[in-house]
Amino acid sequence: MVGKKGSFFLFIFLCFFLIISALVAVAQEKQPSTPVSSQPENQSEARDYFVREYVVGPRDLLEIKVFELPEFDHTVRVSEDGSITLPLLGNVKVGGLTKDKIEKKLSEELEKYVKKAQVSVFIKEYQSSQVAIIGAVEKPGMYELVGRQTLLQMISQAGGFKENAANEIYVLREGQDGNTASIAIDLEDLLLNGNQKLNIPIYPNDVINVPVDRLITIYVFGEVRNPGAIQVKISQKVTLLQAIAQAGGLSENASKRGVIIKRKDKSGKEINMQVNLNDIIKGKKKDISLKEGDVIIVKESIF
């Protein structure tokens, strides 16, 4: 009899435990989930985040309004020293402040004249956060830097590269010491090899310079399949082996030891360089970079 009672009470306890567990689970499902990330999920949110966190600087254009007091409404440009001039308040320092902090500061300043003044600030122009993109892009000009942008994102805003864009572009950036540094970016390494280290972040007042490439002419004569002139981009830095390949490669009668490069120095004097292609092919010597106007002569083998 005692064993039956114990089993009965155990059954009641298990039922009670299962009911409580079910109620807890339902309550947890009804609770709002905690956001995984506070990062903006779309372009609109990203824009709002940027406006909220943006630090006002020289040449920015601000539209200032005071609720129910239109006589205080003004559109002013921030001076080079980071200040604006307003009626009654005079010179007010706003450089280095966000939009919300400027609203709070102006509201406190207006307390002398208006109780609980409600001030709104709208940034009409972000002049202190612009980037210049010049050279071989579809739409060169000044671009607003909204939030965190990379090199390729800014180039995309400018319509992308033109066909005559050089392989190496430059980002000019002013340092804290006032000196301008030039950051060279190899486009082939960035775009073809996918080296994301070169897709650097862009900062206000950067200048992205995309030089216009130009074609240079190199001549390949002698024992090649298609002798004559070849044209290459100067930024491609064509080598001897590449030039011979573009000329169709060596003919059956070509001598790999009998290759001559004719080049003129700065004074106009002609220099002859004799090259053994076997040494370059086998890696014993480095391939030779060619210059505009170089003449390559591949001699015929005597065997």
C-alpha atoms as a PDB file:
ATOM      1  CA  MET A   1       0.000   0.000   0.000  1.00  0.00           C
ATOM      2  CA  VAL A   2       2.873   2.355   0.838  1.00  0.00           C
ATOM      3  CA  GLY A   3       4.527   1.619  -2.515  1.00  0.00           C
ATOM      4  CA  LYS A   4       1.380   2.502  -4.405  1.00  0.00           C
ATOM      5  CA  LYS A   5       1.046   5.845  -2.603  1.00  0.00           C
ATOM      6  CA  GLY A   6       4.679   6.684  -3.356  1.00  0.00           C
ATOM      7  CA  SER A   7       4.166   5.934  -7.034  1.00  0.00           C
ATOM      8  CA  PHE A   8       1.007   8.051  -7.083  1.00  0.00           C
ATOM      9  CA  PHE A   9       2.752  11.092  -5.531  1.00  0.00           C
ATOM     10  CA  LEU A  10       5.714  10.655  -7.929  1.00  0.00           C
ATOM     11  CA  PHE A  11       3.276  10.661 -10.864  1.00  0.00           C
ATOM     12  CA  ILE A  12       1.616  13.862  -9.578  1.00  0.00           C
ATOM     13  CA  PHE A  13       5.029  15.571  -9.152  1.00  0.00           C
ATOM     14  CA  LEU A  14       6.127  14.673 -12.688  1.00  0.00           C
ATOM     15  CA  CYS A  15       2.894  16.038 -14.140  1.00  0.00           C
ATOM     16  CA  PHE A  16       3.271  19.267 -12.180  1.00  0.00           C
ATOM     17  CA  PHE A  17       6.916  19.631 -13.342  1.00  0.00           C
ATOM     18  CA  LEU A  18       5.961  19.144 -17.000  1.00  0.00           C
ATOM     19  CA  ILE A  19       3.190  21.764 -16.755  1.00  0.00           C
ATOM     20  CA  ILE A  20       5.539  24.332 -15.174  1.00  0.00           C
ATOM     21  CA  SER A  21       8.200  23.638 -17.839  1.00  0.00           C
ATOM     22  CA  ALA A  22       5.674  24.171 -20.629  1.00  0.00           C
ATOM     23  CA  LEU A  23       4.512  27.492 -19.147  1.00  0.00           C
ATOM     24  CA  VAL A  24       8.103  28.746 -18.845  1.00  0.00           C
ATOM     25  CA  ALA A  25       8.815  27.827 -22.470  1.00  0.00           C
ATOM     26  CA  VAL A  26       5.723  29.718 -23.691  1.00  0.00           C
ATOM     27  CA  ALA A  27       6.693  32.788 -21.655  1.00  0.00           C
ATOM     28  CA  GLN A  28      10.196  32.767 -23.128  1.00  0.00           C
ATOM     29  CA  GLU A  29       8.806  32.580 -26.682  1.00  0.00           C
ATOM     30  CA  LYS A  30       6.696  35.679 -26.056  1.00  0.00           C
ATOM     31  CA  GLN A  31       9.669  37.738 -24.848  1.00  0.00           C
ATOM     32  CA  PRO A  32      11.254  39.945 -27.510  1.00  0.00           C
ATOM     33  CA  SER A  33      14.528  38.559 -28.801  1.00  0.00           C
ATOM     34  CA  THR A  34      17.726  40.504 -28.119  1.00  0.00           C
ATOM     35  CA  PRO A  35      19.200  42.063 -31.274  1.00  0.00           C
ATOM     36  CA  VAL A  36      22.325  40.270 -32.429  1.00  0.00           C
ATOM     37  CA  SER A  37      23.904  43.392 -33.831  1.00  0.00           C
ATOM     38  CA  SER A  38      23.310  47.129 -33.640  1.00  0.00           C
ATOM     39  CA  GLN A  39      24.818  47.709 -37.098  1.00  0.00           C
ATOM     40  CA  PRO A  40      22.545  49.339 -39.725  1.00  0.00           C
ATOM     41  CA  GLU A  41      20.761  46.703 -41.833  1.00  0.00           C
ATOM     42  CA  ASN A  42      20.142  48.815 -44.961  1.00  0.00           C
ATOM     43  CA  GLN A  43      21.270  51.957 -46.736  1.00  0.00           C
ATOM     44  CA  SER A  44      18.617  54.116 -45.062  1.00  0.00           C
ATOM     45  CA  GLU A  45      19.717  53.050 -41.596  1.00  0.00           C
ATOM     46  CA  ALA A  46      23.352  53.500 -42.582  1.00  0.00           C
ATOM     47  CA  ARG A  47      22.587  57.039 -43.708  1.00  0.00           C
ATOM     48  CA  ASP A  48      20.769  57.831 -40.443  1.00  0.00           C
ATOM     49  CA  TYR A  49      23.657  56.410 -38.465  1.00  0.00           C
ATOM     50  CA  PHE A  50      26.143  58.526 -40.403  1.00  0.00           C
ATOM     51  CA  VAL A  51      24.140  61.745 -39.906  1.00  0.00           C
ATOM     52  CA  ARG A  52      23.800  61.028 -36.200  1.00  0.00           C
ATOM     53  CA  GLU A  53      27.490  60.271 -35.679  1.00  0.00           C
ATOM     54  CA  TYR A  54      28.927  62.778 -38.167  1.00  0.00           C
ATOM     55  CA  VAL A  55      31.273  65.350 -36.635  1.00  0.00           C
ATOM     56  CA  VAL A  56      30.663  68.813 -38.057  1.00  0.00           C
ATOM     57  CA  GLY A  57      33.649  70.656 -39.492  1.00  0.00           C
ATOM     58  CA  PRO A  58      34.658  73.687 -41.592  1.00  0.00           C
ATOM     59  CA  ARG A  59      32.566  74.515 -44.682  1.00  0.00           C
ATOM     60  CA  ASP A  60      29.632  72.316 -43.644  1.00  0.00           C
ATOM     61  CA  LEU A  61      26.278  74.013 -44.301  1.00  0.00           C
ATOM     62  CA  LEU A  62      23.795  73.849 -41.402  1.00  0.00           C
ATOM     63  CA  GLU A  63      20.085  74.599 -41.441  1.00  0.00           C
ATOM     64  CA  ILE A  64      18.981  75.616 -37.936  1.00  0.00           C
ATOM     65  CA  LYS A  65      15.359  75.874 -36.854  1.00  0.00           C
ATOM     66  CA  VAL A  66      13.744  76.733 -33.511  1.00  0.00           C
ATOM     67  CA  PHE A  67      10.254  75.362 -32.917  1.00  0.00           C
ATOM     68  CA  GLU A  68       7.558  78.099 -33.083  1.00  0.00           C
ATOM     69  CA  LEU A  69      10.233  80.797 -33.408  1.00  0.00           C
ATOM     70  CA  PRO A  70      10.840  81.253 -37.162  1.00  0.00           C
ATOM     71  CA  GLU A  71      12.823  84.448 -36.542  1.00  0.00           C
ATOM     72  CA  PHE A  72      15.631  82.264 -35.181  1.00  0.00           C
ATOM     73  CA  ASP A  73      15.707  80.023 -38.278  1.00  0.00           C
ATOM     74  CA  HIS A  74      18.944  80.378 -40.198  1.00  0.00           C
ATOM     75  CA  THR A  75      21.097  78.546 -42.742  1.00  0.00           C
ATOM     76  CA  VAL A  76      24.753  79.106 -41.940  1.00  0.00           C
ATOM     77  CA  ARG A  77      28.088  77.745 -43.108  1.00  0.00           C
ATOM     78  CA  VAL A  78      30.672  76.642 -40.571  1.00  0.00           C
ATOM     79  CA  SER A  79      33.767  78.848 -40.735  1.00  0.00           C
ATOM     80  CA  GLU A  80      37.338  77.574 -40.961  1.00  0.00           C
ATOM     81  CA  ASP A  81      37.700  77.892 -37.179  1.00  0.00           C
ATOM     82  CA  GLY A  82      34.618  75.700 -36.634  1.00  0.00           C
ATOM     83  CA  SER A  83      32.168  78.412 -35.571  1.00  0.00           C
ATOM     84  CA  ILE A  84      28.848  79.835 -36.793  1.00  0.00           C
ATOM     85  CA  THR A  85      27.232  83.223 -36.229  1.00  0.00           C
ATOM     86  CA  LEU A  86      23.579  83.430 -35.122  1.00  0.00           C
ATOM     87  CA  PRO A  87      21.252  86.279 -34.069  1.00  0.00           C
ATOM     88  CA  LEU A  88      21.397  87.053 -30.327  1.00  0.00           C
ATOM     89  CA  LEU A  89      23.918  84.266 -29.727  1.00  0.00           C
ATOM     90  CA  GLY A  90      26.695  85.672 -31.878  1.00  0.00           C
ATOM     91  CA  ASN A  91      29.686  83.412 -32.436  1.00  0.00           C
ATOM     92  CA  VAL A  92      29.043  79.773 -31.440  1.00  0.00           C
ATOM     93  CA  LYS A  93      31.657  77.010 -31.653  1.00  0.00           C
ATOM     94  CA  VAL A  94      30.188  73.888 -33.303  1.00  0.00           C
ATOM     95  CA  GLY A  95      33.239  72.291 -34.901  1.00  0.00           C
ATOM     96  CA  GLY A  96      33.927  68.814 -33.561  1.00  0.00           C
ATOM     97  CA  LEU A  97      30.327  68.304 -32.373  1.00  0.00           C
ATOM     98  CA  THR A  98      27.670  65.943 -33.685  1.00  0.00           C
ATOM     99  CA  LYS A  99      24.236  67.117 -34.822  1.00  0.00           C
ATOM    100  CA  ASP A 100      22.607  66.121 -31.501  1.00  0.00           C
ATOM    101  CA  LYS A 101      25.266  67.899 -29.450  1.00  0.00           C
ATOM    102  CA  ILE A 102      24.881  71.081 -31.499  1.00  0.00           C
ATOM    103  CA  GLU A 103      21.100  71.009 -30.924  1.00  0.00           C
ATOM    104  CA  LYS A 104      21.655  70.622 -27.197  1.00  0.00           C
ATOM    105  CA  LYS A 105      24.259  73.393 -27.082  1.00  0.00           C
ATOM    106  CA  LEU A 106      22.083  75.877 -29.004  1.00  0.00           C
ATOM    107  CA  SER A 107      19.084  75.010 -26.850  1.00  0.00           C
ATOM    108  CA  GLU A 108      21.088  75.783 -23.705  1.00  0.00           C
ATOM    109  CA  GLU A 109      22.379  79.039 -25.219  1.00  0.00           C
ATOM    110  CA  LEU A 110      18.818  80.137 -26.086  1.00  0.00           C
ATOM    111  CA  GLU A 111      17.567  79.488 -22.537  1.00  0.00           C
ATOM    112  CA  LYS A 112      18.376  83.153 -21.763  1.00  0.00           C
ATOM    113  CA  TYR A 113      15.757  84.232 -24.285  1.00  0.00           C
ATOM    114  CA  VAL A 114      13.394  81.275 -24.723  1.00  0.00           C
ATOM    115  CA  LYS A 115      12.485  78.672 -22.135  1.00  0.00           C
ATOM    116  CA  LYS A 116      12.860  75.056 -23.240  1.00  0.00           C
ATOM    117  CA  ALA A 117      13.780  76.028 -26.775  1.00  0.00           C
ATOM    118  CA  GLN A 118      13.422  73.095 -29.200  1.00  0.00           C
ATOM    119  CA  VAL A 119      16.244  73.334 -31.728  1.00  0.00           C
ATOM    120  CA  SER A 120      16.667  71.158 -34.806  1.00  0.00           C
ATOM    121  CA  VAL A 121      19.816  71.052 -36.939  1.00  0.00           C
ATOM    122  CA  PHE A 122      19.912  69.699 -40.474  1.00  0.00           C
ATOM    123  CA  ILE A 123      23.259  69.246 -42.250  1.00  0.00           C
ATOM    124  CA  LYS A 124      22.604  70.372 -45.817  1.00  0.00           C
ATOM    125  CA  GLU A 125      26.159  70.027 -47.161  1.00  0.00           C
ATOM    126  CA  TYR A 126      29.008  67.872 -45.910  1.00  0.00           C
ATOM    127  CA  GLN A 127      31.790  70.041 -47.279  1.00  0.00           C
ATOM    128  CA  SER A 128      34.327  68.936 -44.683  1.00  0.00           C
ATOM    129  CA  SER A 129      33.811  65.281 -45.615  1.00  0.00           C
ATOM    130  CA  GLN A 130      34.484  65.165 -49.324  1.00  0.00           C
ATOM    131  CA  VAL A 131      36.824  63.178 -51.532  1.00  0.00           C
ATOM    132  CA  ALA A 132      38.232  64.240 -54.906  1.00  0.00           C
ATOM    133  CA  ILE A 133      38.434  61.608 -57.645  1.00  0.00           C
ATOM    134  CA  ILE A 134      40.438  62.714 -60.677  1.00  0.00           C
ATOM    135  CA  GLY A 135      41.832  61.179 -63.839  1.00  0.00           C
ATOM    136  CA  ALA A 136      40.652  58.181 -65.854  1.00  0.00           C
ATOM    137  CA  VAL A 137      37.242  57.566 -64.268  1.00  0.00           C
ATOM    138  CA  GLU A 138      33.858  58.022 -65.932  1.00  0.00           C
ATOM    139  CA  LYS A 139      32.709  60.883 -63.679  1.00  0.00           C
ATOM    140  CA  PRO A 140      35.624  62.700 -62.042  1.00  0.00           C
ATOM    141  CA  GLY A 141      34.763  65.261 -59.383  1.00  0.00           C
ATOM    142  CA  MET A 142      34.098  65.861 -55.690  1.00  0.00           C
ATOM    143  CA  TYR A 143      32.161  63.180 -53.805  1.00  0.00           C
ATOM    144  CA  GLU A 144      30.576  63.186 -50.373  1.00  0.00           C
ATOM    145  CA  LEU A 145      32.114  60.643 -48.034  1.00  0.00           C
ATOM    146  CA  VAL A 146      29.125  59.027 -46.313  1.00  0.00           C
ATOM    147  CA  GLY A 147      30.158  56.736 -43.495  1.00  0.00           C
ATOM    148  CA  ARG A 148      33.028  54.299 -43.929  1.00  0.00           C
ATOM    149  CA  GLN A 149      33.905  53.875 -47.604  1.00  0.00           C
ATOM    150  CA  THR A 150      36.657  51.898 -49.314  1.00  0.00           C
ATOM    151  CA  LEU A 151      38.672  52.780 -52.394  1.00  0.00           C
ATOM    152  CA  LEU A 152      36.579  50.619 -54.729  1.00  0.00           C
ATOM    153  CA  GLN A 153      33.315  51.950 -53.291  1.00  0.00           C
ATOM    154  CA  MET A 154      34.397  55.526 -54.039  1.00  0.00           C
ATOM    155  CA  ILE A 155      35.577  54.566 -57.551  1.00  0.00           C
ATOM    156  CA  SER A 156      32.174  52.974 -58.105  1.00  0.00           C
ATOM    157  CA  GLN A 157      30.492  56.276 -57.209  1.00  0.00           C
ATOM    158  CA  ALA A 158      32.614  57.900 -59.922  1.00  0.00           C
ATOM    159  CA  GLY A 159      31.295  55.449 -62.518  1.00  0.00           C
ATOM    160  CA  GLY A 160      34.262  53.098 -62.482  1.00  0.00           C
ATOM    161  CA  PHE A 161      37.544  53.100 -64.381  1.00  0.00           C
ATOM    162  CA  LYS A 162      37.935  54.110 -68.015  1.00  0.00           C
ATOM    163  CA  GLU A 163      39.675  51.784 -70.461  1.00  0.00           C
ATOM    164  CA  ASN A 164      42.744  54.013 -70.498  1.00  0.00           C
ATOM    165  CA  ALA A 165      43.199  53.884 -66.711  1.00  0.00           C
ATOM    166  CA  ALA A 166      46.739  53.091 -65.607  1.00  0.00           C
ATOM    167  CA  ASN A 167      47.486  49.911 -63.700  1.00  0.00           C
ATOM    168  CA  GLU A 168      48.784  51.888 -60.724  1.00  0.00           C
ATOM    169  CA  ILE A 169      46.657  54.543 -59.032  1.00  0.00           C
ATOM    170  CA  TYR A 170      47.422  56.832 -56.109  1.00  0.00           C
ATOM    171  CA  VAL A 171      45.616  58.016 -52.984  1.00  0.00           C
ATOM    172  CA  LEU A 172      46.958  61.360 -51.810  1.00  0.00           C
ATOM    173  CA  ARG A 173      46.414  61.911 -48.091  1.00  0.00           C
ATOM    174  CA  GLU A 174      47.370  64.821 -45.845  1.00  0.00           C
ATOM    175  CA  GLY A 175      48.961  63.790 -42.565  1.00  0.00           C
ATOM    176  CA  GLN A 176      48.720  65.436 -39.178  1.00  0.00           C
ATOM    177  CA  ASP A 177      52.042  67.157 -39.839  1.00  0.00           C
ATOM    178  CA  GLY A 178      50.582  68.854 -42.913  1.00  0.00           C
ATOM    179  CA  ASN A 179      52.616  66.793 -45.364  1.00  0.00           C
ATOM    180  CA  THR A 180      50.875  64.863 -48.118  1.00  0.00           C
ATOM    181  CA  ALA A 181      51.616  61.164 -48.492  1.00  0.00           C
ATOM    182  CA  SER A 182      51.076  59.212 -51.713  1.00  0.00           C
ATOM    183  CA  ILE A 183      49.732  55.658 -51.384  1.00  0.00           C
ATOM    184  CA  ALA A 184      50.324  53.563 -54.526  1.00  0.00           C
ATOM    185  CA  ILE A 185      47.732  50.890 -55.362  1.00  0.00           C
ATOM    186  CA  ASP A 186      48.409  48.118 -57.898  1.00  0.00           C
ATOM    187  CA  LEU A 187      45.072  47.573 -59.643  1.00  0.00           C
ATOM    188  CA  GLU A 188      46.053  44.204 -61.087  1.00  0.00           C
ATOM    189  CA  ASP A 189      46.864  42.912 -57.617  1.00  0.00           C
ATOM    190  CA  LEU A 190      43.649  44.391 -56.217  1.00  0.00           C
ATOM    191  CA  LEU A 191      41.191  43.464 -58.966  1.00  0.00           C
ATOM    192  CA  LEU A 192      42.636  40.302 -60.489  1.00  0.00           C
ATOM    193  CA  ASN A 193      44.389  38.766 -57.496  1.00  0.00           C
ATOM    194  CA  GLY A 194      41.747  39.960 -55.034  1.00  0.00           C
ATOM    195  CA  ASN A 195      44.238  41.474 -52.588  1.00  0.00           C
ATOM    196  CA  GLN A 196      41.763  43.190 -50.252  1.00  0.00           C
ATOM    197  CA  LYS A 197      44.575  44.812 -48.268  1.00  0.00           C
ATOM    198  CA  LEU A 198      44.817  47.246 -51.181  1.00  0.00           C
ATOM    199  CA  ASN A 199      41.119  48.152 -50.950  1.00  0.00           C
ATOM    200  CA  ILE A 200      42.012  50.725 -48.320  1.00  0.00           C
ATOM    201  CA  PRO A 201      39.523  52.872 -46.360  1.00  0.00           C
ATOM    202  CA  ILE A 202      39.111  56.413 -47.674  1.00  0.00           C
ATOM    203  CA  TYR A 203      39.172  59.443 -45.374  1.00  0.00           C
ATOM    204  CA  PRO A 204      37.863  63.018 -45.722  1.00  0.00           C
ATOM    205  CA  ASN A 205      39.916  65.239 -48.050  1.00  0.00           C
ATOM    206  CA  ASP A 206      41.655  62.278 -49.726  1.00  0.00           C
ATOM    207  CA  VAL A 207      42.444  62.699 -53.416  1.00  0.00           C
ATOM    208  CA  ILE A 208      42.136  59.550 -55.549  1.00  0.00           C
ATOM    209  CA  ASN A 209      44.267  60.003 -58.653  1.00  0.00           C
ATOM    210  CA  VAL A 210      43.720  57.557 -61.508  1.00  0.00           C
ATOM    211  CA  PRO A 211      46.443  58.383 -64.059  1.00  0.00           C
ATOM    212  CA  VAL A 212      45.660  58.104 -67.751  1.00  0.00           C
ATOM    213  CA  ASP A 213      47.703  55.325 -69.263  1.00  0.00           C
ATOM    214  CA  ARG A 214      49.335  55.620 -72.675  1.00  0.00           C
ATOM    215  CA  LEU A 215      50.517  53.156 -75.271  1.00  0.00           C
ATOM    216  CA  ILE A 216      54.192  52.694 -76.016  1.00  0.00           C
ATOM    217  CA  THR A 217      55.688  51.018 -79.072  1.00  0.00           C
ATOM    218  CA  ILE A 218      58.281  48.267 -78.999  1.00  0.00           C
ATOM    219  CA  TYR A 219      59.757  46.629 -82.103  1.00  0.00           C
ATOM    220  CA  VAL A 220      60.481  42.924 -82.485  1.00  0.00           C
ATOM    221  CA  PHE A 221      62.378  41.792 -85.592  1.00  0.00           C
ATOM    222  CA  GLY A 222      64.177  38.704 -86.824  1.00  0.00           C
ATOM    223  CA  GLU A 223      63.263  35.108 -86.084  1.00  0.00           C
ATOM    224  CA  VAL A 224      59.784  35.557 -84.597  1.00  0.00           C
ATOM    225  CA  ARG A 225      56.487  34.484 -86.146  1.00  0.00           C
ATOM    226  CA  ASN A 226      54.974  37.972 -86.430  1.00  0.00           C
ATOM    227  CA  PRO A 227      57.804  40.520 -86.620  1.00  0.00           C
ATOM    228  CA  GLY A 228      57.003  44.212 -86.399  1.00  0.00           C
ATOM    229  CA  ALA A 229      55.775  46.794 -83.911  1.00  0.00           C
ATOM    230  CA  ILE A 230      53.745  45.927 -80.820  1.00  0.00           C
ATOM    231  CA  GLN A 231      51.903  48.372 -78.602  1.00  0.00           C
ATOM    232  CA  VAL A 232      51.454  47.934 -74.871  1.00  0.00           C
ATOM    233  CA  LYS A 233      50.302  50.086 -71.956  1.00  0.00           C
ATOM    234  CA  ILE A 234      53.211  51.775 -70.243  1.00  0.00           C
ATOM    235  CA  SER A 235      51.820  50.684 -66.872  1.00  0.00           C
ATOM    236  CA  GLN A 236      52.003  47.002 -67.851  1.00  0.00           C
ATOM    237  CA  LYS A 237      55.825  47.109 -67.702  1.00  0.00           C
ATOM    238  CA  VAL A 238      56.269  44.598 -70.512  1.00  0.00           C
ATOM    239  CA  THR A 239      59.327  42.318 -70.394  1.00  0.00           C
ATOM    240  CA  LEU A 240      61.478  40.744 -73.094  1.00  0.00           C
ATOM    241  CA  LEU A 241      59.744  37.347 -72.916  1.00  0.00           C
ATOM    242  CA  GLN A 242      56.315  38.990 -73.007  1.00  0.00           C
ATOM    243  CA  ALA A 243      57.234  41.072 -76.066  1.00  0.00           C
ATOM    244  CA  ILE A 244      58.508  38.001 -77.943  1.00  0.00           C
ATOM    245  CA  ALA A 245      55.312  36.146 -77.007  1.00  0.00           C
ATOM    246  CA  GLN A 246      53.183  39.016 -78.360  1.00  0.00           C
ATOM    247  CA  ALA A 247      55.176  38.812 -81.589  1.00  0.00           C
ATOM    248  CA  GLY A 248      54.023  35.212 -81.998  1.00  0.00           C
ATOM    249  CA  GLY A 249      56.943  33.569 -80.264  1.00  0.00           C
ATOM    250  CA  LEU A 250      60.234  32.323 -81.646  1.00  0.00           C
ATOM    251  CA  SER A 251      60.400  30.738 -85.079  1.00  0.00           C
ATOM    252  CA  GLU A 252      61.930  27.303 -85.645  1.00  0.00           C
ATOM    253  CA  ASN A 253      65.207  28.878 -86.786  1.00  0.00           C
ATOM    254  CA  ALA A 254      65.547  31.287 -83.850  1.00  0.00           C
ATOM    255  CA  SER A 255      68.651  31.337 -81.686  1.00  0.00           C
ATOM    256  CA  LYS A 256      67.829  31.767 -78.005  1.00  0.00           C
ATOM    257  CA  ARG A 257      71.393  32.884 -77.390  1.00  0.00           C
ATOM    258  CA  GLY A 258      71.393  35.471 -80.140  1.00  0.00           C
ATOM    259  CA  VAL A 259      68.915  38.099 -78.897  1.00  0.00           C
ATOM    260  CA  ILE A 260      69.879  41.764 -78.979  1.00  0.00           C
ATOM    261  CA  ILE A 261      68.048  44.686 -77.368  1.00  0.00           C
ATOM    262  CA  LYS A 262      68.784  48.082 -78.920  1.00  0.00           C
ATOM    263  CA  ARG A 263      68.018  51.012 -76.637  1.00  0.00           C
ATOM    264  CA  LYS A 264      68.795  54.718 -76.632  1.00  0.00           C
ATOM    265  CA  ASP A 265      69.960  56.338 -73.408  1.00  0.00           C
ATOM    266  CA  LYS A 266      69.026  59.846 -72.247  1.00  0.00           C
ATOM    267  CA  SER A 267      71.701  61.417 -74.435  1.00  0.00           C
ATOM    268  CA  GLY A 268      70.381  59.617 -77.524  1.00  0.00           C
ATOM    269  CA  LYS A 269      73.304  57.204 -77.751  1.00  0.00           C
ATOM    270  CA  GLU A 270      72.363  53.677 -78.841  1.00  0.00           C
ATOM    271  CA  ILE A 271      73.171  50.820 -76.474  1.00  0.00           C
ATOM    272  CA  ASN A 272      73.222  47.170 -77.544  1.00  0.00           C
ATOM    273  CA  MET A 273      72.486  44.488 -74.963  1.00  0.00           C
ATOM    274  CA  GLN A 274      73.063  40.844 -75.850  1.00  0.00           C
ATOM    275  CA  VAL A 275      70.769  38.440 -74.027  1.00  0.00           C
ATOM    276  CA  ASN A 276      70.671  34.660 -73.648  1.00  0.00           C
ATOM    277  CA  LEU A 277      66.998  33.714 -73.417  1.00  0.00           C
ATOM    278  CA  ASN A 278      67.885  30.300 -71.990  1.00  0.00           C
ATOM    279  CA  ASP A 279      69.224  31.980 -68.824  1.00  0.00           C
ATOM    280  CA  ILE A 280      65.937  33.857 -68.366  1.00  0.00           C
ATOM    281  CA  ILE A 281      63.741  30.842 -69.128  1.00  0.00           C
ATOM    282  CA  LYS A 282      65.690  28.669 -66.663  1.00  0.00           C
ATOM    283  CA  GLY A 283      65.527  31.371 -63.986  1.00  0.00           C
ATOM    284  CA  LYS A 284      69.252  32.007 -63.887  1.00  0.00           C
ATOM    285  CA  LYS A 285      68.700  35.662 -64.776  1.00  0.00           C
ATOM    286  CA  LYS A 286      65.771  38.035 -64.373  1.00  0.00           C
ATOM    287  CA  ASP A 287      63.548  38.914 -67.299  1.00  0.00           C
ATOM    288  CA  ILE A 288      64.357  42.359 -68.707  1.00  0.00           C
ATOM    289  CA  SER A 289      61.825  45.198 -68.515  1.00  0.00           C
ATOM    290  CA  LEU A 290      61.502  47.007 -71.822  1.00  0.00           C
ATOM    291  CA  LYS A 291      61.172  50.723 -72.490  1.00  0.00           C
ATOM    292  CA  GLU A 292      59.450  52.769 -75.154  1.00  0.00           C
ATOM    293  CA  GLY A 293      61.275  52.543 -78.509  1.00  0.00           C
ATOM    294  CA  ASP A 294      63.286  49.417 -77.646  1.00  0.00           C
ATOM    295  CA  VAL A 295      64.187  47.268 -80.650  1.00  0.00           C
ATOM    296  CA  ILE A 296      64.506  43.499 -80.160  1.00  0.00           C
ATOM    297  CA  ILE A 297      66.382  41.488 -82.753  1.00  0.00           C
ATOM    298  CA  VAL A 298      66.206  37.690 -82.621  1.00  0.00           C
ATOM    299  CA  LYS A 299      69.003  36.184 -84.694  1.00  0.00           C
ATOM    300  CA  GLU A 300      68.864  33.006 -86.730  1.00  0.00           C
ATOM    301  CA  SER A 301      70.506  29.896 -85.330  1.00  0.00           C
ATOM    302  CA  ILE A 302      73.609  28.788 -87.257  1.00  0.00           C
ATOM    303  CA  PHE A 303      72.908  25.094 -86.524  1.00  0.00           C
END
